[in-house]
N, C-alpha and C. Protein backbone atom coordinates (compact mmCIF):
# COMPACT_ATOMS: atom_id res chain seq x y z
N MET A 1 -86.21 121.18 56.73
CA MET A 1 -85.16 120.39 57.33
C MET A 1 -84.40 121.27 58.31
N PRO A 2 -84.20 120.79 59.52
CA PRO A 2 -83.49 121.60 60.52
C PRO A 2 -81.98 121.59 60.28
N LEU A 3 -81.35 122.65 60.69
CA LEU A 3 -79.90 122.78 60.66
C LEU A 3 -79.44 123.02 62.08
N LEU A 4 -78.40 122.32 62.52
CA LEU A 4 -77.89 122.45 63.89
C LEU A 4 -76.60 123.28 63.86
N PHE A 5 -76.62 124.39 64.59
CA PHE A 5 -75.48 125.30 64.65
C PHE A 5 -74.88 125.33 66.04
N CYS A 6 -73.59 125.61 66.12
CA CYS A 6 -72.88 125.90 67.37
C CYS A 6 -72.23 127.26 67.13
N GLY A 7 -72.81 128.31 67.70
CA GLY A 7 -72.36 129.66 67.37
C GLY A 7 -72.66 129.91 65.90
N GLY A 8 -71.66 130.27 65.13
CA GLY A 8 -71.84 130.51 63.70
C GLY A 8 -71.49 129.30 62.84
N ASP A 9 -71.09 128.19 63.47
CA ASP A 9 -70.69 126.99 62.73
C ASP A 9 -71.88 126.08 62.45
N LEU A 10 -72.04 125.68 61.20
CA LEU A 10 -73.03 124.66 60.87
C LEU A 10 -72.44 123.31 61.27
N VAL A 11 -73.05 122.67 62.25
CA VAL A 11 -72.52 121.44 62.83
C VAL A 11 -73.12 120.20 62.17
N CYS A 12 -74.43 120.24 61.91
CA CYS A 12 -75.10 119.02 61.45
C CYS A 12 -76.34 119.33 60.64
N VAL A 13 -76.51 118.55 59.58
CA VAL A 13 -77.77 118.49 58.84
C VAL A 13 -78.26 117.06 59.08
N PRO A 14 -79.23 116.87 59.98
CA PRO A 14 -79.64 115.52 60.37
C PRO A 14 -79.96 114.63 59.17
N GLY A 15 -79.40 113.42 59.19
CA GLY A 15 -79.62 112.46 58.13
C GLY A 15 -78.77 112.69 56.90
N VAL A 16 -77.95 113.76 56.92
CA VAL A 16 -77.13 114.09 55.76
C VAL A 16 -75.64 114.07 56.12
N GLU A 17 -75.23 114.94 57.04
CA GLU A 17 -73.80 115.07 57.33
C GLU A 17 -73.57 115.75 58.67
N VAL A 18 -72.44 115.43 59.30
CA VAL A 18 -71.95 116.10 60.50
C VAL A 18 -70.59 116.68 60.15
N ALA A 19 -70.35 117.93 60.54
CA ALA A 19 -69.06 118.57 60.27
C ALA A 19 -67.94 117.78 60.95
N GLY A 20 -66.86 117.56 60.24
CA GLY A 20 -65.75 116.75 60.74
C GLY A 20 -65.21 117.18 62.09
N ALA A 21 -65.14 118.49 62.32
CA ALA A 21 -64.61 119.00 63.59
C ALA A 21 -65.51 118.67 64.77
N TYR A 22 -66.76 118.29 64.50
CA TYR A 22 -67.72 118.01 65.57
C TYR A 22 -68.04 116.52 65.71
N ARG A 23 -67.41 115.68 64.93
CA ARG A 23 -67.64 114.24 65.03
C ARG A 23 -66.91 113.67 66.24
N ALA A 24 -67.53 112.70 66.90
CA ALA A 24 -66.88 112.03 68.02
C ALA A 24 -65.75 111.15 67.50
N GLN A 25 -64.65 111.12 68.23
CA GLN A 25 -63.54 110.24 67.90
C GLN A 25 -63.87 108.83 68.38
N GLN A 26 -63.07 107.85 67.97
CA GLN A 26 -63.34 106.45 68.31
C GLN A 26 -63.43 106.20 69.81
N ASP A 27 -62.70 106.96 70.61
CA ASP A 27 -62.68 106.75 72.06
C ASP A 27 -63.63 107.69 72.81
N GLU A 28 -64.50 108.38 72.09
CA GLU A 28 -65.44 109.33 72.69
C GLU A 28 -66.89 108.86 72.51
N ILE A 29 -67.74 109.31 73.40
CA ILE A 29 -69.17 109.06 73.29
C ILE A 29 -69.75 110.12 72.36
N GLY A 30 -70.60 109.70 71.43
CA GLY A 30 -71.21 110.64 70.49
C GLY A 30 -72.73 110.54 70.51
N LEU A 31 -73.35 111.37 69.72
CA LEU A 31 -74.80 111.37 69.55
C LEU A 31 -75.14 111.15 68.09
N MET A 32 -76.27 110.52 67.84
CA MET A 32 -76.78 110.40 66.48
C MET A 32 -78.00 111.31 66.39
N VAL A 33 -77.92 112.31 65.55
CA VAL A 33 -79.01 113.29 65.41
C VAL A 33 -79.88 112.84 64.25
N THR A 34 -81.18 112.70 64.52
CA THR A 34 -82.13 112.31 63.48
C THR A 34 -83.27 113.31 63.45
N TRP A 35 -83.98 113.33 62.33
CA TRP A 35 -85.13 114.22 62.17
C TRP A 35 -86.28 113.40 61.65
N THR A 36 -87.41 113.51 62.32
CA THR A 36 -88.63 112.84 61.91
C THR A 36 -89.72 113.89 61.74
N MET A 37 -90.37 113.86 60.60
CA MET A 37 -91.44 114.82 60.37
C MET A 37 -92.58 114.55 61.34
N PRO A 38 -93.15 115.60 61.94
CA PRO A 38 -94.29 115.42 62.83
C PRO A 38 -95.49 114.87 62.07
N CYS A 39 -96.28 114.09 62.77
CA CYS A 39 -97.49 113.52 62.17
C CYS A 39 -98.59 114.58 62.08
N ALA A 40 -99.26 114.62 60.97
CA ALA A 40 -100.40 115.53 60.82
C ALA A 40 -101.63 114.84 61.41
N GLU A 41 -102.39 115.58 62.14
CA GLU A 41 -103.60 115.00 62.75
C GLU A 41 -104.82 115.37 61.97
């Protein structure tokens, strides 16, 4: 499972949680980070 960092701060664990300090406010544009396992061929 990937972990998204900004400097030394853990910002997001996709599909689990986003750190409160990095969440978009109601009047801001945000992103939804998702993780999909690659398909095995």
